[in-house]
Amino acid sequence: MVCRFFKVQEIVKDILLDFLKIDEKKVKLDSEFLNDFGCDSLDSIELMVELEESFGVKINDDEASQLVTVGDVVNYIERRLLET
């Protein structure tokens, strides 16, 4: 389980680095998409689509609005992957 979590975490980090073009040092589990990365609503939607495609999971709008930090996303994806 721990190994799987770190793999999800690394993939999410890689997606963020590529998508947002941010410094790797800024990506921490408690980093917030809006406050730390300056993501607007369009960025958030596009990022969720990228995450859905990369992990093969569906993130509905209500759930997406509650994913505030990198850790929230990692935990959410990990839970969804365990359900499948």
PDB file of N, CA and C in Angstrom:
ATOM      1  N   MET A   1       0.820  -1.198   0.000  1.00  0.00           N
ATOM      2  CA  MET A   1       0.000   0.000   0.000  1.00  0.00           C
ATOM      3  C   MET A   1       0.865   1.264   0.000  1.00  0.00           C
ATOM      4  N   VAL A   2       1.892   1.304   0.847  1.00  0.00           N
ATOM      5  CA  VAL A   2       2.757   2.474   0.900  1.00  0.00           C
ATOM      6  C   VAL A   2       3.440   2.691  -0.441  1.00  0.00           C
ATOM      7  N   CYS A   3       3.915   1.628  -1.053  1.00  0.00           N
ATOM      8  CA  CYS A   3       4.576   1.730  -2.355  1.00  0.00           C
ATOM      9  C   CYS A   3       3.613   2.299  -3.397  1.00  0.00           C
ATOM     10  N   ARG A   4       2.387   1.825  -3.380  1.00  0.00           N
ATOM     11  CA  ARG A   4       1.391   2.303  -4.338  1.00  0.00           C
ATOM     12  C   ARG A   4       1.114   3.792  -4.130  1.00  0.00           C
ATOM     13  N   PHE A   5       1.013   4.225  -2.859  1.00  0.00           N
ATOM     14  CA  PHE A   5       0.775   5.629  -2.542  1.00  0.00           C
ATOM     15  C   PHE A   5       1.885   6.492  -3.118  1.00  0.00           C
ATOM     16  N   PHE A   6       3.126   6.081  -2.925  1.00  0.00           N
ATOM     17  CA  PHE A   6       4.238   6.878  -3.431  1.00  0.00           C
ATOM     18  C   PHE A   6       4.260   6.918  -4.944  1.00  0.00           C
ATOM     19  N   LYS A   7       3.837   5.841  -5.595  1.00  0.00           N
ATOM     20  CA  LYS A   7       3.768   5.849  -7.049  1.00  0.00           C
ATOM     21  C   LYS A   7       2.711   6.846  -7.518  1.00  0.00           C
ATOM     22  N   VAL A   8       1.537   6.829  -6.892  1.00  0.00           N
ATOM     23  CA  VAL A   8       0.488   7.797  -7.231  1.00  0.00           C
ATOM     24  C   VAL A   8       1.002   9.201  -6.980  1.00  0.00           C
ATOM     25  N   GLN A   9       1.651   9.399  -5.854  1.00  0.00           N
ATOM     26  CA  GLN A   9       2.182  10.721  -5.505  1.00  0.00           C
ATOM     27  C   GLN A   9       3.172  11.208  -6.557  1.00  0.00           C
ATOM     28  N   GLU A  10       4.061  10.349  -7.003  1.00  0.00           N
ATOM     29  CA  GLU A  10       5.053  10.743  -8.004  1.00  0.00           C
ATOM     30  C   GLU A  10       4.406  11.045  -9.354  1.00  0.00           C
ATOM     31  N   ILE A  11       3.421  10.264  -9.739  1.00  0.00           N
ATOM     32  CA  ILE A  11       2.733  10.516 -11.012  1.00  0.00           C
ATOM     33  C   ILE A  11       1.980  11.830 -10.954  1.00  0.00           C
ATOM     34  N   VAL A  12       1.278  12.080  -9.840  1.00  0.00           N
ATOM     35  CA  VAL A  12       0.567  13.356  -9.674  1.00  0.00           C
ATOM     36  C   VAL A  12       1.563  14.511  -9.736  1.00  0.00           C
ATOM     37  N   LYS A  13       2.683  14.368  -9.069  1.00  0.00           N
ATOM     38  CA  LYS A  13       3.710  15.414  -9.083  1.00  0.00           C
ATOM     39  C   LYS A  13       4.209  15.675 -10.498  1.00  0.00           C
ATOM     40  N   ASP A  14       4.481  14.608 -11.242  1.00  0.00           N
ATOM     41  CA  ASP A  14       4.945  14.763 -12.628  1.00  0.00           C
ATOM     42  C   ASP A  14       3.904  15.478 -13.490  1.00  0.00           C
ATOM     43  N   ILE A  15       2.634  15.131 -13.292  1.00  0.00           N
ATOM     44  CA  ILE A  15       1.558  15.784 -14.051  1.00  0.00           C
ATOM     45  C   ILE A  15       1.506  17.265 -13.718  1.00  0.00           C
ATOM     46  N   LEU A  16       1.611  17.590 -12.444  1.00  0.00           N
ATOM     47  CA  LEU A  16       1.584  18.995 -12.028  1.00  0.00           C
ATOM     48  C   LEU A  16       2.759  19.773 -12.601  1.00  0.00           C
ATOM     49  N   LEU A  17       3.935  19.183 -12.545  1.00  0.00           N
ATOM     50  CA  LEU A  17       5.124  19.862 -13.073  1.00  0.00           C
ATOM     51  C   LEU A  17       4.983  20.137 -14.566  1.00  0.00           C
ATOM     52  N   ASP A  18       4.470  19.170 -15.282  1.00  0.00           N
ATOM     53  CA  ASP A  18       4.303  19.317 -16.721  1.00  0.00           C
ATOM     54  C   ASP A  18       3.167  20.283 -17.060  1.00  0.00           C
ATOM     55  N   PHE A  19       2.051  20.122 -16.377  1.00  0.00           N
ATOM     56  CA  PHE A  19       0.863  20.898 -16.697  1.00  0.00           C
ATOM     57  C   PHE A  19       0.977  22.361 -16.257  1.00  0.00           C
ATOM     58  N   LEU A  20       1.457  22.580 -15.044  1.00  0.00           N
ATOM     59  CA  LEU A  20       1.489  23.939 -14.492  1.00  0.00           C
ATOM     60  C   LEU A  20       2.818  24.658 -14.705  1.00  0.00           C
ATOM     61  N   LYS A  21       3.839  23.912 -15.142  1.00  0.00           N
ATOM     62  CA  LYS A  21       5.166  24.506 -15.375  1.00  0.00           C
ATOM     63  C   LYS A  21       5.671  25.233 -14.124  1.00  0.00           C
ATOM     64  N   ILE A  22       5.639  24.513 -13.008  1.00  0.00           N
ATOM     65  CA  ILE A  22       6.076  25.088 -11.742  1.00  0.00           C
ATOM     66  C   ILE A  22       7.360  24.415 -11.272  1.00  0.00           C
ATOM     67  N   ASP A  23       8.014  25.057 -10.306  1.00  0.00           N
ATOM     68  CA  ASP A  23       9.246  24.534  -9.724  1.00  0.00           C
ATOM     69  C   ASP A  23       8.925  23.296  -8.890  1.00  0.00           C
ATOM     70  N   GLU A  24       9.713  22.260  -9.073  1.00  0.00           N
ATOM     71  CA  GLU A  24       9.513  20.994  -8.367  1.00  0.00           C
ATOM     72  C   GLU A  24       9.487  21.179  -6.851  1.00  0.00           C
ATOM     73  N   LYS A  25      10.261  22.125  -6.334  1.00  0.00           N
ATOM     74  CA  LYS A  25      10.328  22.358  -4.892  1.00  0.00           C
ATOM     75  C   LYS A  25       9.002  22.876  -4.317  1.00  0.00           C
ATOM     76  N   LYS A  26       8.141  23.420  -5.174  1.00  0.00           N
ATOM     77  CA  LYS A  26       6.855  23.953  -4.711  1.00  0.00           C
ATOM     78  C   LYS A  26       5.803  22.870  -4.510  1.00  0.00           C
ATOM     79  N   VAL A  27       6.040  21.694  -5.072  1.00  0.00           N
ATOM     80  CA  VAL A  27       5.030  20.630  -5.015  1.00  0.00           C
ATOM     81  C   VAL A  27       5.215  19.814  -3.748  1.00  0.00           C
ATOM     82  N   LYS A  28       4.321  20.058  -2.796  1.00  0.00           N
ATOM     83  CA  LYS A  28       4.300  19.325  -1.536  1.00  0.00           C
ATOM     84  C   LYS A  28       2.874  18.832  -1.315  1.00  0.00           C
ATOM     85  N   LEU A  29       2.691  17.866  -0.449  1.00  0.00           N
ATOM     86  CA  LEU A  29       1.352  17.330  -0.220  1.00  0.00           C
ATOM     87  C   LEU A  29       0.379  18.388   0.290  1.00  0.00           C
ATOM     88  N   ASP A  30       0.884  19.384   1.022  1.00  0.00           N
ATOM     89  CA  ASP A  30      -0.017  20.418   1.549  1.00  0.00           C
ATOM     90  C   ASP A  30      -0.103  21.655   0.645  1.00  0.00           C
ATOM     91  N   SER A  31       0.518  21.604  -0.533  1.00  0.00           N
ATOM     92  CA  SER A  31       0.428  22.722  -1.483  1.00  0.00           C
ATOM     93  C   SER A  31      -1.000  22.828  -2.016  1.00  0.00           C
ATOM     94  N   GLU A  32      -1.513  24.058  -2.039  1.00  0.00           N
ATOM     95  CA  GLU A  32      -2.866  24.306  -2.520  1.00  0.00           C
ATOM     96  C   GLU A  32      -2.838  24.785  -3.966  1.00  0.00           C
ATOM     97  N   PHE A  33      -3.761  24.259  -4.758  1.00  0.00           N
ATOM     98  CA  PHE A  33      -3.799  24.599  -6.184  1.00  0.00           C
ATOM     99  C   PHE A  33      -4.038  26.079  -6.413  1.00  0.00           C
ATOM    100  N   LEU A  34      -4.949  26.678  -5.671  1.00  0.00           N
ATOM    101  CA  LEU A  34      -5.263  28.094  -5.855  1.00  0.00           C
ATOM    102  C   LEU A  34      -4.200  28.981  -5.216  1.00  0.00           C
ATOM    103  N   ASN A  35      -3.950  28.798  -3.934  1.00  0.00           N
ATOM    104  CA  ASN A  35      -3.054  29.699  -3.203  1.00  0.00           C
ATOM    105  C   ASN A  35      -1.577  29.530  -3.542  1.00  0.00           C
ATOM    106  N   ASP A  36      -1.129  28.298  -3.753  1.00  0.00           N
ATOM    107  CA  ASP A  36       0.294  28.069  -3.993  1.00  0.00           C
ATOM    108  C   ASP A  36       0.672  28.033  -5.473  1.00  0.00           C
ATOM    109  N   PHE A  37      -0.254  27.571  -6.312  1.00  0.00           N
ATOM    110  CA  PHE A  37       0.054  27.430  -7.738  1.00  0.00           C
ATOM    111  C   PHE A  37      -0.686  28.438  -8.608  1.00  0.00           C
ATOM    112  N   GLY A  38      -1.638  29.169  -8.035  1.00  0.00           N
ATOM    113  CA  GLY A  38      -2.373  30.175  -8.799  1.00  0.00           C
ATOM    114  C   GLY A  38      -3.321  29.604  -9.837  1.00  0.00           C
ATOM    115  N   CYS A  39      -3.802  28.391  -9.609  1.00  0.00           N
ATOM    116  CA  CYS A  39      -4.731  27.768 -10.565  1.00  0.00           C
ATOM    117  C   CYS A  39      -6.074  28.489 -10.550  1.00  0.00           C
ATOM    118  N   ASP A  40      -6.563  28.840 -11.732  1.00  0.00           N
ATOM    119  CA  ASP A  40      -7.917  29.373 -11.823  1.00  0.00           C
ATOM    120  C   ASP A  40      -8.861  28.212 -12.115  1.00  0.00           C
ATOM    121  N   SER A  41     -10.143  28.508 -12.286  1.00  0.00           N
ATOM    122  CA  SER A  41     -11.123  27.429 -12.470  1.00  0.00           C
ATOM    123  C   SER A  41     -10.868  26.630 -13.752  1.00  0.00           C
ATOM    124  N   LEU A  42     -10.443  27.291 -14.811  1.00  0.00           N
ATOM    125  CA  LEU A  42     -10.141  26.582 -16.057  1.00  0.00           C
ATOM    126  C   LEU A  42      -8.940  25.654 -15.879  1.00  0.00           C
ATOM    127  N   ASP A  43      -7.903  26.145 -15.207  1.00  0.00           N
ATOM    128  CA  ASP A  43      -6.740  25.300 -14.914  1.00  0.00           C
ATOM    129  C   ASP A  43      -7.167  24.062 -14.135  1.00  0.00           C
ATOM    130  N   SER A  44      -8.028  24.260 -13.149  1.00  0.00           N
ATOM    131  CA  SER A  44      -8.479  23.151 -12.305  1.00  0.00           C
ATOM    132  C   SER A  44      -9.230  22.109 -13.117  1.00  0.00           C
ATOM    133  N   ILE A  45     -10.105  22.554 -13.994  1.00  0.00           N
ATOM    134  CA  ILE A  45     -10.868  21.629 -14.841  1.00  0.00           C
ATOM    135  C   ILE A  45      -9.926  20.846 -15.742  1.00  0.00           C
ATOM    136  N   GLU A  46      -9.010  21.545 -16.394  1.00  0.00           N
ATOM    137  CA  GLU A  46      -8.069  20.880 -17.290  1.00  0.00           C
ATOM    138  C   GLU A  46      -7.174  19.900 -16.540  1.00  0.00           C
ATOM    139  N   LEU A  47      -6.775  20.275 -15.331  1.00  0.00           N
ATOM    140  CA  LEU A  47      -5.943  19.401 -14.517  1.00  0.00           C
ATOM    141  C   LEU A  47      -6.709  18.140 -14.118  1.00  0.00           C
ATOM    142  N   MET A  48      -7.966  18.285 -13.738  1.00  0.00           N
ATOM    143  CA  MET A  48      -8.775  17.122 -13.366  1.00  0.00           C
ATOM    144  C   MET A  48      -8.943  16.173 -14.562  1.00  0.00           C
ATOM    145  N   VAL A  49      -9.132  16.732 -15.751  1.00  0.00           N
ATOM    146  CA  VAL A  49      -9.243  15.902 -16.955  1.00  0.00           C
ATOM    147  C   VAL A  49      -7.942  15.137 -17.182  1.00  0.00           C
ATOM    148  N   GLU A  50      -6.835  15.818 -17.021  1.00  0.00           N
ATOM    149  CA  GLU A  50      -5.522  15.166 -17.191  1.00  0.00           C
ATOM    150  C   GLU A  50      -5.338  14.044 -16.169  1.00  0.00           C
ATOM    151  N   LEU A  51      -5.733  14.279 -14.935  1.00  0.00           N
ATOM    152  CA  LEU A  51      -5.623  13.252 -13.901  1.00  0.00           C
ATOM    153  C   LEU A  51      -6.539  12.068 -14.196  1.00  0.00           C
ATOM    154  N   GLU A  52      -7.755  12.357 -14.645  1.00  0.00           N
ATOM    155  CA  GLU A  52      -8.696  11.290 -15.009  1.00  0.00           C
ATOM    156  C   GLU A  52      -8.120  10.403 -16.101  1.00  0.00           C
ATOM    157  N   GLU A  53      -7.561  11.026 -17.124  1.00  0.00           N
ATOM    158  CA  GLU A  53      -6.994  10.271 -18.238  1.00  0.00           C
ATOM    159  C   GLU A  53      -5.761   9.474 -17.815  1.00  0.00           C
ATOM    160  N   SER A  54      -4.941  10.055 -16.983  1.00  0.00           N
ATOM    161  CA  SER A  54      -3.705   9.389 -16.563  1.00  0.00           C
ATOM    162  C   SER A  54      -3.964   8.189 -15.662  1.00  0.00           C
ATOM    163  N   PHE A  55      -4.975   8.290 -14.793  1.00  0.00           N
ATOM    164  CA  PHE A  55      -5.235   7.227 -13.828  1.00  0.00           C
ATOM    165  C   PHE A  55      -6.440   6.360 -14.178  1.00  0.00           C
ATOM    166  N   GLY A  56      -7.212   6.751 -15.190  1.00  0.00           N
ATOM    167  CA  GLY A  56      -8.378   5.968 -15.567  1.00  0.00           C
ATOM    168  C   GLY A  56      -9.488   6.017 -14.540  1.00  0.00           C
ATOM    169  N   VAL A  57      -9.608   7.145 -13.848  1.00  0.00           N
ATOM    170  CA  VAL A  57     -10.670   7.330 -12.861  1.00  0.00           C
ATOM    171  C   VAL A  57     -11.535   8.509 -13.271  1.00  0.00           C
ATOM    172  N   LYS A  58     -12.754   8.538 -12.770  1.00  0.00           N
ATOM    173  CA  LYS A  58     -13.674   9.649 -13.017  1.00  0.00           C
ATOM    174  C   LYS A  58     -13.739  10.499 -11.762  1.00  0.00           C
ATOM    175  N   ILE A  59     -13.544  11.801 -11.929  1.00  0.00           N
ATOM    176  CA  ILE A  59     -13.635  12.741 -10.822  1.00  0.00           C
ATOM    177  C   ILE A  59     -14.835  13.641 -11.101  1.00  0.00           C
ATOM    178  N   ASN A  60     -15.927  13.456 -10.333  1.00  0.00           N
ATOM    179  CA  ASN A  60     -17.101  14.288 -10.609  1.00  0.00           C
ATOM    180  C   ASN A  60     -16.885  15.707 -10.068  1.00  0.00           C
ATOM    181  N   ASP A  61     -17.698  16.639 -10.541  1.00  0.00           N
ATOM    182  CA  ASP A  61     -17.512  18.055 -10.216  1.00  0.00           C
ATOM    183  C   ASP A  61     -17.584  18.342  -8.723  1.00  0.00           C
ATOM    184  N   ASP A  62     -18.513  17.688  -8.022  1.00  0.00           N
ATOM    185  CA  ASP A  62     -18.640  17.921  -6.574  1.00  0.00           C
ATOM    186  C   ASP A  62     -17.379  17.492  -5.833  1.00  0.00           C
ATOM    187  N   GLU A  63     -16.848  16.347  -6.225  1.00  0.00           N
ATOM    188  CA  GLU A  63     -15.624  15.857  -5.591  1.00  0.00           C
ATOM    189  C   GLU A  63     -14.424  16.722  -5.973  1.00  0.00           C
ATOM    190  N   ALA A  64     -14.361  17.122  -7.220  1.00  0.00           N
ATOM    191  CA  ALA A  64     -13.231  17.938  -7.688  1.00  0.00           C
ATOM    192  C   ALA A  64     -13.141  19.253  -6.922  1.00  0.00           C
ATOM    193  N   SER A  65     -14.285  19.828  -6.596  1.00  0.00           N
ATOM    194  CA  SER A  65     -14.286  21.112  -5.889  1.00  0.00           C
ATOM    195  C   SER A  65     -13.738  20.987  -4.469  1.00  0.00           C
ATOM    196  N   GLN A  66     -13.672  19.767  -3.949  1.00  0.00           N
ATOM    197  CA  GLN A  66     -13.158  19.551  -2.595  1.00  0.00           C
ATOM    198  C   GLN A  66     -11.687  19.136  -2.582  1.00  0.00           C
ATOM    199  N   LEU A  67     -11.099  18.996  -3.752  1.00  0.00           N
ATOM    200  CA  LEU A  67      -9.680  18.629  -3.853  1.00  0.00           C
ATOM    201  C   LEU A  67      -8.860  19.913  -3.876  1.00  0.00           C
ATOM    202  N   VAL A  68      -8.455  20.360  -2.715  1.00  0.00           N
ATOM    203  CA  VAL A  68      -7.808  21.661  -2.548  1.00  0.00           C
ATOM    204  C   VAL A  68      -6.288  21.559  -2.598  1.00  0.00           C
ATOM    205  N   THR A  69      -5.754  20.471  -2.068  1.00  0.00           N
ATOM    206  CA  THR A  69      -4.296  20.314  -1.992  1.00  0.00           C
ATOM    207  C   THR A  69      -3.826  19.139  -2.840  1.00  0.00           C
ATOM    208  N   VAL A  70      -2.526  19.080  -3.040  1.00  0.00           N
ATOM    209  CA  VAL A  70      -1.927  17.948  -3.745  1.00  0.00           C
ATOM    210  C   VAL A  70      -2.237  16.655  -2.983  1.00  0.00           C
ATOM    211  N   GLY A  71      -2.143  16.704  -1.673  1.00  0.00           N
ATOM    212  CA  GLY A  71      -2.446  15.537  -0.850  1.00  0.00           C
ATOM    213  C   GLY A  71      -3.879  15.076  -1.014  1.00  0.00           C
ATOM    214  N   ASP A  72      -4.817  16.027  -1.128  1.00  0.00           N
ATOM    215  CA  ASP A  72      -6.218  15.668  -1.367  1.00  0.00           C
ATOM    216  C   ASP A  72      -6.348  14.854  -2.650  1.00  0.00           C
ATOM    217  N   VAL A  73      -5.673  15.296  -3.690  1.00  0.00           N
ATOM    218  CA  VAL A  73      -5.736  14.607  -4.988  1.00  0.00           C
ATOM    219  C   VAL A  73      -5.113  13.215  -4.886  1.00  0.00           C
ATOM    220  N   VAL A  74      -3.946  13.131  -4.274  1.00  0.00           N
ATOM    221  CA  VAL A  74      -3.266  11.837  -4.131  1.00  0.00           C
ATOM    222  C   VAL A  74      -4.151  10.864  -3.353  1.00  0.00           C
ATOM    223  N   ASN A  75      -4.705  11.307  -2.236  1.00  0.00           N
ATOM    224  CA  ASN A  75      -5.564  10.442  -1.425  1.00  0.00           C
ATOM    225  C   ASN A  75      -6.822  10.034  -2.185  1.00  0.00           C
ATOM    226  N   TYR A  76      -7.416  10.966  -2.899  1.00  0.00           N
ATOM    227  CA  TYR A  76      -8.623  10.670  -3.667  1.00  0.00           C
ATOM    228  C   TYR A  76      -8.345   9.616  -4.741  1.00  0.00           C
ATOM    229  N   ILE A  77      -7.291   9.819  -5.491  1.00  0.00           N
ATOM    230  CA  ILE A  77      -6.954   8.873  -6.568  1.00  0.00           C
ATOM    231  C   ILE A  77      -6.631   7.503  -5.981  1.00  0.00           C
ATOM    232  N   GLU A  78      -5.878   7.482  -4.888  1.00  0.00           N
ATOM    233  CA  GLU A  78      -5.551   6.213  -4.242  1.00  0.00           C
ATOM    234  C   GLU A  78      -6.834   5.480  -3.829  1.00  0.00           C
ATOM    235  N   ARG A  79      -7.769   6.185  -3.229  1.00  0.00           N
ATOM    236  CA  ARG A  79      -9.048   5.562  -2.842  1.00  0.00           C
ATOM    237  C   ARG A  79      -9.802   5.018  -4.050  1.00  0.00           C
ATOM    238  N   ARG A  80      -9.840   5.812  -5.110  1.00  0.00           N
ATOM    239  CA  ARG A  80     -10.548   5.371  -6.329  1.00  0.00           C
ATOM    240  C   ARG A  80      -9.890   4.153  -6.949  1.00  0.00           C
ATOM    241  N   LEU A  81      -8.578   4.093  -6.935  1.00  0.00           N
ATOM    242  CA  LEU A  81      -7.873   2.949  -7.495  1.00  0.00           C
ATOM    243  C   LEU A  81      -8.112   1.695  -6.649  1.00  0.00           C
ATOM    244  N   LEU A  82      -8.243   1.848  -5.352  1.00  0.00           N
ATOM    245  CA  LEU A  82      -8.516   0.708  -4.486  1.00  0.00           C
ATOM    246  C   LEU A  82      -9.927   0.160  -4.704  1.00  0.00           C
ATOM    247  N   GLU A  83     -10.840   1.021  -5.164  1.00  0.00           N
ATOM    248  CA  GLU A  83     -12.227   0.603  -5.423  1.00  0.00           C
ATOM    249  C   GLU A  83     -12.334  -0.262  -6.663  1.00  0.00           C
ATOM    250  N   THR A  84     -11.368  -0.140  -7.565  1.00  0.00           N
ATOM    251  CA  THR A  84     -11.465  -0.880  -8.824  1.00  0.00           C
ATOM    252  C   THR A  84     -10.843  -2.250  -8.733  1.00  0.00           C
TER     253      THR A  84
END
